């Protein structure tokens, strides 16, 4: 069994330094406290994918992107903006996560 490298510790430290908090990490997804964005680990290496909540306004998204990408670069992580996501509640009280291009 090959377990992929996922730099959760360095990512959590980076987010904390920028004033964000990881509220939940599951498999390859990292959910952030205000739900404006989430991070998805790529299939290999220190590459991370940045998705903004479809409800996050452009100014907030731009500010996050402008701070997180250079800060990640300085720590050897590569964050790439990939698109948006939407959480949809289901009748059975579960949540579905939908990704789409920006």
PDB file of N, CA and C in Angstrom:
ATOM      1  N   UNK A   1       0.846  -1.181   0.000  1.00  0.00           N
ATOM      2  CA  UNK A   1       0.000   0.000   0.000  1.00  0.00           C
ATOM      3  C   UNK A   1       0.893   1.246   0.000  1.00  0.00           C
ATOM      4  N   UNK A   2       0.672   2.124  -0.930  1.00  0.00           N
ATOM      5  CA  UNK A   2       1.460   3.347  -1.053  1.00  0.00           C
ATOM      6  C   UNK A   2       0.660   4.526  -0.501  1.00  0.00           C
ATOM      7  N   UNK A   3       1.131   5.109   0.590  1.00  0.00           N
ATOM      8  CA  UNK A   3       0.455   6.244   1.214  1.00  0.00           C
ATOM      9  C   UNK A   3       1.080   7.526   0.678  1.00  0.00           C
ATOM     10  N   UNK A   4       0.272   8.412   0.083  1.00  0.00           N
ATOM     11  CA  UNK A   4       0.834   9.639  -0.489  1.00  0.00           C
ATOM     12  C   UNK A   4       1.310  10.609   0.593  1.00  0.00           C
ATOM     13  N   UNK A   5       2.323  11.386   0.231  1.00  0.00           N
ATOM     14  CA  UNK A   5       2.848  12.423   1.117  1.00  0.00           C
ATOM     15  C   UNK A   5       1.840  13.571   1.176  1.00  0.00           C
ATOM     16  N   UNK A   6       1.416  13.919   2.370  1.00  0.00           N
ATOM     17  CA  UNK A   6       0.489  15.032   2.569  1.00  0.00           C
ATOM     18  C   UNK A   6       1.018  15.883   3.716  1.00  0.00           C
ATOM     19  N   UNK A   7       1.547  17.061   3.392  1.00  0.00           N
ATOM     20  CA  UNK A   7       2.192  17.915   4.407  1.00  0.00           C
ATOM     21  C   UNK A   7       1.175  18.678   5.270  1.00  0.00           C
ATOM     22  N   UNK A   8       0.372  17.941   6.041  1.00  0.00           N
ATOM     23  CA  UNK A   8      -0.668  18.577   6.850  1.00  0.00           C
ATOM     24  C   UNK A   8      -0.075  19.485   7.927  1.00  0.00           C
ATOM     25  N   UNK A   9       0.962  19.043   8.596  1.00  0.00           N
ATOM     26  CA  UNK A   9       1.583  19.860   9.648  1.00  0.00           C
ATOM     27  C   UNK A   9       2.064  21.208   9.130  1.00  0.00           C
ATOM     28  N   UNK A  10       2.899  21.226   8.082  1.00  0.00           N
ATOM     29  CA  UNK A  10       3.335  22.511   7.534  1.00  0.00           C
ATOM     30  C   UNK A  10       2.180  23.372   7.020  1.00  0.00           C
ATOM     31  N   UNK A  11       1.165  22.746   6.447  1.00  0.00           N
ATOM     32  CA  UNK A  11       0.003  23.504   5.976  1.00  0.00           C
ATOM     33  C   UNK A  11      -0.740  24.134   7.152  1.00  0.00           C
ATOM     34  N   UNK A  12      -0.941  23.378   8.220  1.00  0.00           N
ATOM     35  CA  UNK A  12      -1.632  23.920   9.396  1.00  0.00           C
ATOM     36  C   UNK A  12      -0.848  25.084   9.986  1.00  0.00           C
ATOM     37  N   UNK A  13       0.474  24.954  10.056  1.00  0.00           N
ATOM     38  CA  UNK A  13       1.310  26.032  10.579  1.00  0.00           C
ATOM     39  C   UNK A  13       1.189  27.280   9.703  1.00  0.00           C
ATOM     40  N   UNK A  14       1.245  27.098   8.394  1.00  0.00           N
ATOM     41  CA  UNK A  14       1.104  28.207   7.452  1.00  0.00           C
ATOM     42  C   UNK A  14      -0.241  28.912   7.641  1.00  0.00           C
ATOM     43  N   UNK A  15      -1.308  28.148   7.700  1.00  0.00           N
ATOM     44  CA  UNK A  15      -2.638  28.735   7.845  1.00  0.00           C
ATOM     45  C   UNK A  15      -2.781  29.480   9.167  1.00  0.00           C
ATOM     46  N   UNK A  16      -2.229  28.911  10.226  1.00  0.00           N
ATOM     47  CA  UNK A  16      -2.267  29.564  11.536  1.00  0.00           C
ATOM     48  C   UNK A  16      -1.530  30.897  11.501  1.00  0.00           C
ATOM     49  N   UNK A  17      -0.362  30.913  10.857  1.00  0.00           N
ATOM     50  CA  UNK A  17       0.412  32.152  10.742  1.00  0.00           C
ATOM     51  C   UNK A  17      -0.351  33.232   9.977  1.00  0.00           C
ATOM     52  N   UNK A  18      -1.243  32.817   9.078  1.00  0.00           N
ATOM     53  CA  UNK A  18      -2.037  33.767   8.286  1.00  0.00           C
ATOM     54  C   UNK A  18      -3.383  34.089   8.938  1.00  0.00           C
ATOM     55  N   UNK A  19      -3.626  33.542  10.136  1.00  0.00           N
ATOM     56  CA  UNK A  19      -4.848  33.848  10.869  1.00  0.00           C
ATOM     57  C   UNK A  19      -6.015  32.929  10.577  1.00  0.00           C
ATOM     58  N   UNK A  20      -5.748  31.786   9.958  1.00  0.00           N
ATOM     59  CA  UNK A  20      -6.794  30.808   9.662  1.00  0.00           C
ATOM     60  C   UNK A  20      -6.616  29.603  10.576  1.00  0.00           C
ATOM     61  N   UNK A  21      -7.645  28.791  10.653  1.00  0.00           N
ATOM     62  CA  UNK A  21      -7.592  27.606  11.492  1.00  0.00           C
ATOM     63  C   UNK A  21      -8.184  26.430  10.738  1.00  0.00           C
ATOM     64  N   UNK A  22      -7.502  25.309  10.785  1.00  0.00           N
ATOM     65  CA  UNK A  22      -8.036  24.082  10.204  1.00  0.00           C
ATOM     66  C   UNK A  22      -9.086  23.541  11.161  1.00  0.00           C
ATOM     67  N   UNK A  23     -10.291  23.355  10.647  1.00  0.00           N
ATOM     68  CA  UNK A  23     -11.358  22.829  11.498  1.00  0.00           C
ATOM     69  C   UNK A  23     -11.593  21.346  11.277  1.00  0.00           C
ATOM     70  N   UNK A  24     -11.210  20.858  10.092  1.00  0.00           N
ATOM     71  CA  UNK A  24     -11.450  19.451   9.791  1.00  0.00           C
ATOM     72  C   UNK A  24     -10.553  19.031   8.641  1.00  0.00           C
ATOM     73  N   UNK A  25      -9.895  17.915   8.786  1.00  0.00           N
ATOM     74  CA  UNK A  25      -9.090  17.345   7.710  1.00  0.00           C
ATOM     75  C   UNK A  25      -9.583  15.923   7.484  1.00  0.00           C
ATOM     76  N   UNK A  26      -9.937  15.631   6.247  1.00  0.00           N
ATOM     77  CA  UNK A  26     -10.448  14.310   5.908  1.00  0.00           C
ATOM     78  C   UNK A  26      -9.855  13.883   4.579  1.00  0.00           C
ATOM     79  N   UNK A  27      -9.172  12.763   4.575  1.00  0.00           N
ATOM     80  CA  UNK A  27      -8.540  12.212   3.390  1.00  0.00           C
ATOM     81  C   UNK A  27      -7.655  13.269   2.741  1.00  0.00           C
ATOM     82  N   UNK A  28      -8.020  13.769   1.558  1.00  0.00           N
ATOM     83  CA  UNK A  28      -7.174  14.753   0.875  1.00  0.00           C
ATOM     84  C   UNK A  28      -7.696  16.178   1.004  1.00  0.00           C
ATOM     85  N   UNK A  29      -8.708  16.396   1.845  1.00  0.00           N
ATOM     86  CA  UNK A  29      -9.328  17.721   1.986  1.00  0.00           C
ATOM     87  C   UNK A  29      -9.046  18.331   3.350  1.00  0.00           C
ATOM     88  N   UNK A  30      -8.834  19.656   3.351  1.00  0.00           N
ATOM     89  CA  UNK A  30      -8.604  20.398   4.592  1.00  0.00           C
ATOM     90  C   UNK A  30      -9.596  21.560   4.611  1.00  0.00           C
ATOM     91  N   UNK A  31     -10.507  21.533   5.574  1.00  0.00           N
ATOM     92  CA  UNK A  31     -11.528  22.566   5.708  1.00  0.00           C
ATOM     93  C   UNK A  31     -11.036  23.635   6.676  1.00  0.00           C
ATOM     94  N   UNK A  32     -11.320  24.887   6.336  1.00  0.00           N
ATOM     95  CA  UNK A  32     -10.829  26.032   7.093  1.00  0.00           C
ATOM     96  C   UNK A  32     -11.982  26.658   7.873  1.00  0.00           C
ATOM     97  N   UNK A  33     -11.652  27.308   8.999  1.00  0.00           N
ATOM     98  CA  UNK A  33     -12.642  27.782   9.965  1.00  0.00           C
ATOM     99  C   UNK A  33     -13.780  28.618   9.405  1.00  0.00           C
ATOM    100  N   UNK A  34     -13.548  29.507   8.491  1.00  0.00           N
ATOM    101  CA  UNK A  34     -14.631  30.378   8.028  1.00  0.00           C
ATOM    102  C   UNK A  34     -15.331  29.846   6.791  1.00  0.00           C
ATOM    103  N   UNK A  35     -14.875  28.709   6.274  1.00  0.00           N
ATOM    104  CA  UNK A  35     -15.470  28.038   5.126  1.00  0.00           C
ATOM    105  C   UNK A  35     -15.402  28.855   3.836  1.00  0.00           C
ATOM    106  N   UNK A  36     -14.572  29.914   3.802  1.00  0.00           N
ATOM    107  CA  UNK A  36     -14.402  30.678   2.563  1.00  0.00           C
ATOM    108  C   UNK A  36     -13.606  29.890   1.541  1.00  0.00           C
ATOM    109  N   UNK A  37     -12.746  28.991   2.018  1.00  0.00           N
ATOM    110  CA  UNK A  37     -11.931  28.198   1.107  1.00  0.00           C
ATOM    111  C   UNK A  37     -11.580  26.868   1.746  1.00  0.00           C
ATOM    112  N   UNK A  38     -11.122  25.951   0.908  1.00  0.00           N
ATOM    113  CA  UNK A  38     -10.584  24.691   1.390  1.00  0.00           C
ATOM    114  C   UNK A  38      -9.351  24.354   0.565  1.00  0.00           C
ATOM    115  N   UNK A  39      -8.562  23.459   1.092  1.00  0.00           N
ATOM    116  CA  UNK A  39      -7.338  23.011   0.442  1.00  0.00           C
ATOM    117  C   UNK A  39      -7.482  21.518   0.159  1.00  0.00           C
ATOM    118  N   UNK A  40      -7.066  21.123  -1.037  1.00  0.00           N
ATOM    119  CA  UNK A  40      -7.047  19.712  -1.404  1.00  0.00           C
ATOM    120  C   UNK A  40      -5.604  19.324  -1.742  1.00  0.00           C
ATOM    121  N   UNK A  41      -5.137  18.240  -1.143  1.00  0.00           N
ATOM    122  CA  UNK A  41      -3.807  17.746  -1.462  1.00  0.00           C
ATOM    123  C   UNK A  41      -3.819  17.133  -2.850  1.00  0.00           C
ATOM    124  N   UNK A  42      -2.796  17.421  -3.629  1.00  0.00           N
ATOM    125  CA  UNK A  42      -2.641  16.798  -4.944  1.00  0.00           C
ATOM    126  C   UNK A  42      -2.210  15.344  -4.737  1.00  0.00           C
ATOM    127  N   UNK A  43      -2.131  14.602  -5.817  1.00  0.00           N
ATOM    128  CA  UNK A  43      -1.816  13.180  -5.714  1.00  0.00           C
ATOM    129  C   UNK A  43      -0.375  12.906  -5.273  1.00  0.00           C
ATOM    130  N   UNK A  44       0.516  13.878  -5.451  1.00  0.00           N
ATOM    131  CA  UNK A  44       1.892  13.656  -5.013  1.00  0.00           C
ATOM    132  C   UNK A  44       2.578  14.973  -4.681  1.00  0.00           C
ATOM    133  N   UNK A  45       3.590  14.872  -3.833  1.00  0.00           N
ATOM    134  CA  UNK A  45       4.428  16.019  -3.529  1.00  0.00           C
ATOM    135  C   UNK A  45       3.748  17.106  -2.728  1.00  0.00           C
ATOM    136  N   UNK A  46       4.408  18.265  -2.668  1.00  0.00           N
ATOM    137  CA  UNK A  46       3.909  19.373  -1.848  1.00  0.00           C
ATOM    138  C   UNK A  46       2.912  20.278  -2.576  1.00  0.00           C
ATOM    139  N   UNK A  47       2.279  19.771  -3.646  1.00  0.00           N
ATOM    140  CA  UNK A  47       1.317  20.590  -4.383  1.00  0.00           C
ATOM    141  C   UNK A  47      -0.051  20.527  -3.706  1.00  0.00           C
ATOM    142  N   UNK A  48      -0.660  21.706  -3.551  1.00  0.00           N
ATOM    143  CA  UNK A  48      -1.966  21.826  -2.918  1.00  0.00           C
ATOM    144  C   UNK A  48      -2.894  22.596  -3.848  1.00  0.00           C
ATOM    145  N   UNK A  49      -4.162  22.238  -3.828  1.00  0.00           N
ATOM    146  CA  UNK A  49      -5.148  22.907  -4.662  1.00  0.00           C
ATOM    147  C   UNK A  49      -6.059  23.761  -3.789  1.00  0.00           C
ATOM    148  N   UNK A  50      -6.277  24.984  -4.225  1.00  0.00           N
ATOM    149  CA  UNK A  50      -7.080  25.960  -3.494  1.00  0.00           C
ATOM    150  C   UNK A  50      -8.431  26.110  -4.177  1.00  0.00           C
ATOM    151  N   UNK A  51      -9.490  25.893  -3.422  1.00  0.00           N
ATOM    152  CA  UNK A  51     -10.855  26.067  -3.911  1.00  0.00           C
ATOM    153  C   UNK A  51     -11.565  27.060  -3.003  1.00  0.00           C
ATOM    154  N   UNK A  52     -12.277  28.001  -3.604  1.00  0.00           N
ATOM    155  CA  UNK A  52     -13.052  28.967  -2.831  1.00  0.00           C
ATOM    156  C   UNK A  52     -14.518  28.559  -2.809  1.00  0.00           C
ATOM    157  N   UNK A  53     -15.155  28.816  -1.686  1.00  0.00           N
ATOM    158  CA  UNK A  53     -16.589  28.592  -1.568  1.00  0.00           C
ATOM    159  C   UNK A  53     -17.289  29.469  -2.601  1.00  0.00           C
ATOM    160  N   UNK A  54     -18.309  28.939  -3.250  1.00  0.00           N
ATOM    161  CA  UNK A  54     -19.011  29.715  -4.277  1.00  0.00           C
ATOM    162  C   UNK A  54     -19.644  30.976  -3.696  1.00  0.00           C
ATOM    163  N   UNK A  55     -19.842  31.026  -2.379  1.00  0.00           N
ATOM    164  CA  UNK A  55     -20.415  32.203  -1.713  1.00  0.00           C
ATOM    165  C   UNK A  55     -19.357  33.225  -1.286  1.00  0.00           C
ATOM    166  N   UNK A  56     -18.083  32.898  -1.413  1.00  0.00           N
ATOM    167  CA  UNK A  56     -17.018  33.804  -0.988  1.00  0.00           C
ATOM    168  C   UNK A  56     -16.917  34.962  -1.987  1.00  0.00           C
ATOM    169  N   UNK A  57     -16.951  36.200  -1.483  1.00  0.00           N
ATOM    170  CA  UNK A  57     -16.891  37.339  -2.409  1.00  0.00           C
ATOM    171  C   UNK A  57     -15.491  37.491  -3.003  1.00  0.00           C
ATOM    172  N   UNK A  58     -15.432  38.164  -4.146  1.00  0.00           N
ATOM    173  CA  UNK A  58     -14.176  38.285  -4.903  1.00  0.00           C
ATOM    174  C   UNK A  58     -13.066  38.949  -4.105  1.00  0.00           C
ATOM    175  N   UNK A  59     -13.388  39.993  -3.347  1.00  0.00           N
ATOM    176  CA  UNK A  59     -12.353  40.701  -2.587  1.00  0.00           C
ATOM    177  C   UNK A  59     -11.742  39.811  -1.511  1.00  0.00           C
ATOM    178  N   UNK A  60     -12.574  39.059  -0.830  1.00  0.00           N
ATOM    179  CA  UNK A  60     -12.070  38.138   0.193  1.00  0.00           C
ATOM    180  C   UNK A  60     -11.203  37.068  -0.445  1.00  0.00           C
ATOM    181  N   UNK A  61     -11.676  36.497  -1.544  1.00  0.00           N
ATOM    182  CA  UNK A  61     -10.922  35.457  -2.243  1.00  0.00           C
ATOM    183  C   UNK A  61      -9.578  35.991  -2.729  1.00  0.00           C
ATOM    184  N   UNK A  62      -9.576  37.179  -3.304  1.00  0.00           N
ATOM    185  CA  UNK A  62      -8.327  37.773  -3.791  1.00  0.00           C
ATOM    186  C   UNK A  62      -7.341  37.989  -2.658  1.00  0.00           C
ATOM    187  N   UNK A  63      -7.834  38.490  -1.521  1.00  0.00           N
ATOM    188  CA  UNK A  63      -6.962  38.717  -0.368  1.00  0.00           C
ATOM    189  C   UNK A  63      -6.348  37.436   0.154  1.00  0.00           C
ATOM    190  N   UNK A  64      -7.161  36.393   0.227  1.00  0.00           N
ATOM    191  CA  UNK A  64      -6.651  35.094   0.692  1.00  0.00           C
ATOM    192  C   UNK A  64      -5.613  34.563  -0.285  1.00  0.00           C
ATOM    193  N   UNK A  65      -5.947  34.606  -1.560  1.00  0.00           N
ATOM    194  CA  UNK A  65      -5.032  34.098  -2.587  1.00  0.00           C
ATOM    195  C   UNK A  65      -3.709  34.862  -2.579  1.00  0.00           C
ATOM    196  N   UNK A  66      -3.768  36.178  -2.457  1.00  0.00           N
ATOM    197  CA  UNK A  66      -2.559  37.002  -2.473  1.00  0.00           C
ATOM    198  C   UNK A  66      -1.674  36.785  -1.254  1.00  0.00           C
ATOM    199  N   UNK A  67      -2.259  36.323  -0.156  1.00  0.00           N
ATOM    200  CA  UNK A  67      -1.438  36.073   1.034  1.00  0.00           C
ATOM    201  C   UNK A  67      -0.970  34.628   1.118  1.00  0.00           C
ATOM    202  N   UNK A  68      -1.828  33.694   0.756  1.00  0.00           N
ATOM    203  CA  UNK A  68      -1.505  32.287   0.990  1.00  0.00           C
ATOM    204  C   UNK A  68      -0.507  31.717  -0.015  1.00  0.00           C
ATOM    205  N   UNK A  69      -0.588  32.111  -1.271  1.00  0.00           N
ATOM    206  CA  UNK A  69       0.292  31.524  -2.295  1.00  0.00           C
ATOM    207  C   UNK A  69       1.754  31.888  -2.060  1.00  0.00           C
ATOM    208  N   UNK A  70       2.108  33.183  -1.852  1.00  0.00           N
ATOM    209  CA  UNK A  70       3.523  33.487  -1.585  1.00  0.00           C
ATOM    210  C   UNK A  70       4.015  32.910  -0.253  1.00  0.00           C
ATOM    211  N   UNK A  71       3.144  32.897   0.747  1.00  0.00           N
ATOM    212  CA  UNK A  71       3.548  32.337   2.045  1.00  0.00           C
ATOM    213  C   UNK A  71       3.839  30.843   1.915  1.00  0.00           C
ATOM    214  N   UNK A  72       3.031  30.156   1.133  1.00  0.00           N
ATOM    215  CA  UNK A  72       3.254  28.729   0.909  1.00  0.00           C
ATOM    216  C   UNK A  72       4.561  28.497   0.155  1.00  0.00           C
ATOM    217  N   UNK A  73       4.799  29.310  -0.869  1.00  0.00           N
ATOM    218  CA  UNK A  73       6.046  29.191  -1.640  1.00  0.00           C
ATOM    219  C   UNK A  73       7.261  29.289  -0.726  1.00  0.00           C
ATOM    220  N   UNK A  74       7.211  30.201   0.239  1.00  0.00           N
ATOM    221  CA  UNK A  74       8.349  30.393   1.142  1.00  0.00           C
ATOM    222  C   UNK A  74       8.570  29.195   2.060  1.00  0.00           C
ATOM    223  N   UNK A  75       7.566  28.333   2.193  1.00  0.00           N
ATOM    224  CA  UNK A  75       7.682  27.138   3.035  1.00  0.00           C
ATOM    225  C   UNK A  75       7.859  25.868   2.212  1.00  0.00           C
ATOM    226  N   UNK A  76       8.057  26.021   0.904  1.00  0.00           N
ATOM    227  CA  UNK A  76       8.265  24.858   0.055  1.00  0.00           C
ATOM    228  C   UNK A  76       6.997  24.154  -0.368  1.00  0.00           C
ATOM    229  N   UNK A  77       5.856  24.816  -0.188  1.00  0.00           N
ATOM    230  CA  UNK A  77       4.567  24.274  -0.626  1.00  0.00           C
ATOM    231  C   UNK A  77       4.122  25.039  -1.860  1.00  0.00           C
ATOM    232  N   UNK A  78       3.414  24.373  -2.719  1.00  0.00           N
ATOM    233  CA  UNK A  78       2.922  25.008  -3.932  1.00  0.00           C
ATOM    234  C   UNK A  78       1.398  24.973  -3.935  1.00  0.00           C
ATOM    235  N   UNK A  79       0.780  26.152  -3.818  1.00  0.00           N
ATOM    236  CA  UNK A  79      -0.678  26.234  -3.821  1.00  0.00           C
ATOM    237  C   UNK A  79      -1.127  26.792  -5.163  1.00  0.00           C
ATOM    238  N   UNK A  80      -2.047  26.076  -5.789  1.00  0.00           N
ATOM    239  CA  UNK A  80      -2.568  26.450  -7.101  1.00  0.00           C
ATOM    240  C   UNK A  80      -4.075  26.642  -6.999  1.00  0.00           C
ATOM    241  N   UNK A  81      -4.552  27.795  -7.431  1.00  0.00           N
ATOM    242  CA  UNK A  81      -5.997  28.044  -7.428  1.00  0.00           C
ATOM    243  C   UNK A  81      -6.646  27.182  -8.502  1.00  0.00           C
ATOM    244  N   UNK A  82      -7.630  26.387  -8.094  1.00  0.00           N
ATOM    245  CA  UNK A  82      -8.251  25.442  -9.014  1.00  0.00           C
ATOM    246  C   UNK A  82      -9.691  25.791  -9.383  1.00  0.00           C
ATOM    247  N   UNK A  83     -10.424  26.415  -8.498  1.00  0.00           N
ATOM    248  CA  UNK A  83     -11.818  26.704  -8.814  1.00  0.00           C
ATOM    249  C   UNK A  83     -12.624  27.003  -7.570  1.00  0.00           C
ATOM    250  N   UNK A  84     -13.869  26.556  -7.604  1.00  0.00           N
ATOM    251  CA  UNK A  84     -14.803  26.799  -6.502  1.00  0.00           C
ATOM    252  C   UNK A  84     -15.424  25.492  -6.052  1.00  0.00           C
ATOM    253  N   UNK A  85     -16.062  25.564  -4.891  1.00  0.00           N
ATOM    254  CA  UNK A  85     -16.786  24.400  -4.391  1.00  0.00           C
ATOM    255  C   UNK A  85     -18.089  24.856  -3.759  1.00  0.00           C
ATOM    256  N   UNK A  86     -18.978  23.896  -3.606  1.00  0.00           N
ATOM    257  CA  UNK A  86     -20.262  24.155  -2.973  1.00  0.00           C
ATOM    258  C   UNK A  86     -20.612  22.942  -2.120  1.00  0.00           C
ATOM    259  N   UNK A  87     -21.020  23.198  -0.880  1.00  0.00           N
ATOM    260  CA  UNK A  87     -21.523  22.147  -0.001  1.00  0.00           C
ATOM    261  C   UNK A  87     -23.036  22.121  -0.106  1.00  0.00           C
ATOM    262  N   UNK A  88     -23.585  20.944  -0.340  1.00  0.00           N
ATOM    263  CA  UNK A  88     -25.026  20.804  -0.497  1.00  0.00           C
ATOM    264  C   UNK A  88     -25.522  19.788   0.518  1.00  0.00           C
ATOM    265  N   UNK A  89     -26.473  20.219   1.344  1.00  0.00           N
ATOM    266  CA  UNK A  89     -27.077  19.321   2.322  1.00  0.00           C
ATOM    267  C   UNK A  89     -28.055  18.371   1.657  1.00  0.00           C
ATOM    268  N   UNK A  90     -28.002  17.117   2.051  1.00  0.00           N
ATOM    269  CA  UNK A  90     -28.899  16.099   1.515  1.00  0.00           C
ATOM    270  C   UNK A  90     -30.004  15.809   2.523  1.00  0.00           C
ATOM    271  N   UNK A  91     -31.052  15.148   2.069  1.00  0.00           N
ATOM    272  CA  UNK A  91     -32.190  14.841   2.942  1.00  0.00           C
ATOM    273  C   UNK A  91     -31.814  13.928   4.102  1.00  0.00           C
ATOM    274  N   UNK A  92     -30.796  13.103   3.905  1.00  0.00           N
ATOM    275  CA  UNK A  92     -30.383  12.197   4.982  1.00  0.00           C
ATOM    276  C   UNK A  92     -29.372  12.847   5.930  1.00  0.00           C
ATOM    277  N   UNK A  93     -29.282  14.176   5.879  1.00  0.00           N
ATOM    278  CA  UNK A  93     -28.424  14.994   6.732  1.00  0.00           C
ATOM    279  C   UNK A  93     -26.929  14.830   6.443  1.00  0.00           C
ATOM    280  N   UNK A  94     -26.583  14.237   5.310  1.00  0.00           N
ATOM    281  CA  UNK A  94     -25.195  14.193   4.882  1.00  0.00           C
ATOM    282  C   UNK A  94     -24.936  15.419   4.002  1.00  0.00           C
ATOM    283  N   UNK A  95     -23.681  15.643   3.673  1.00  0.00           N
ATOM    284  CA  UNK A  95     -23.309  16.762   2.831  1.00  0.00           C
ATOM    285  C   UNK A  95     -22.631  16.236   1.575  1.00  0.00           C
ATOM    286  N   UNK A  96     -22.921  16.852   0.454  1.00  0.00           N
ATOM    287  CA  UNK A  96     -22.244  16.546  -0.804  1.00  0.00           C
ATOM    288  C   UNK A  96     -21.359  17.734  -1.142  1.00  0.00           C
ATOM    289  N   UNK A  97     -20.166  17.461  -1.592  1.00  0.00           N
ATOM    290  CA  UNK A  97     -19.205  18.479  -1.965  1.00  0.00           C
ATOM    291  C   UNK A  97     -19.075  18.464  -3.485  1.00  0.00           C
ATOM    292  N   UNK A  98     -19.349  19.616  -4.113  1.00  0.00           N
ATOM    293  CA  UNK A  98     -19.285  19.724  -5.565  1.00  0.00           C
ATOM    294  C   UNK A  98     -18.188  20.717  -5.921  1.00  0.00           C
ATOM    295  N   UNK A  99     -17.284  20.311  -6.815  1.00  0.00           N
ATOM    296  CA  UNK A  99     -16.219  21.178  -7.312  1.00  0.00           C
ATOM    297  C   UNK A  99     -16.546  21.628  -8.726  1.00  0.00           C
ATOM    298  N   UNK A 100     -16.189  22.865  -9.044  1.00  0.00           N
ATOM    299  CA  UNK A 100     -16.373  23.358 -10.415  1.00  0.00           C
ATOM    300  C   UNK A 100     -15.334  24.420 -10.698  1.00  0.00           C
ATOM    301  N   UNK A 101     -15.109  24.685 -11.989  1.00  0.00           N
ATOM    302  CA  UNK A 101     -14.128  25.694 -12.399  1.00  0.00           C
ATOM    303  C   UNK A 101     -14.609  27.078 -12.035  1.00  0.00           C
ATOM    304  N   UNK A 102     -13.658  27.952 -11.783  1.00  0.00           N
ATOM    305  CA  UNK A 102     -13.983  29.332 -11.401  1.00  0.00           C
ATOM    306  C   UNK A 102     -14.575  30.093 -12.560  1.00  0.00           C
TER     307      UNK A 102
END
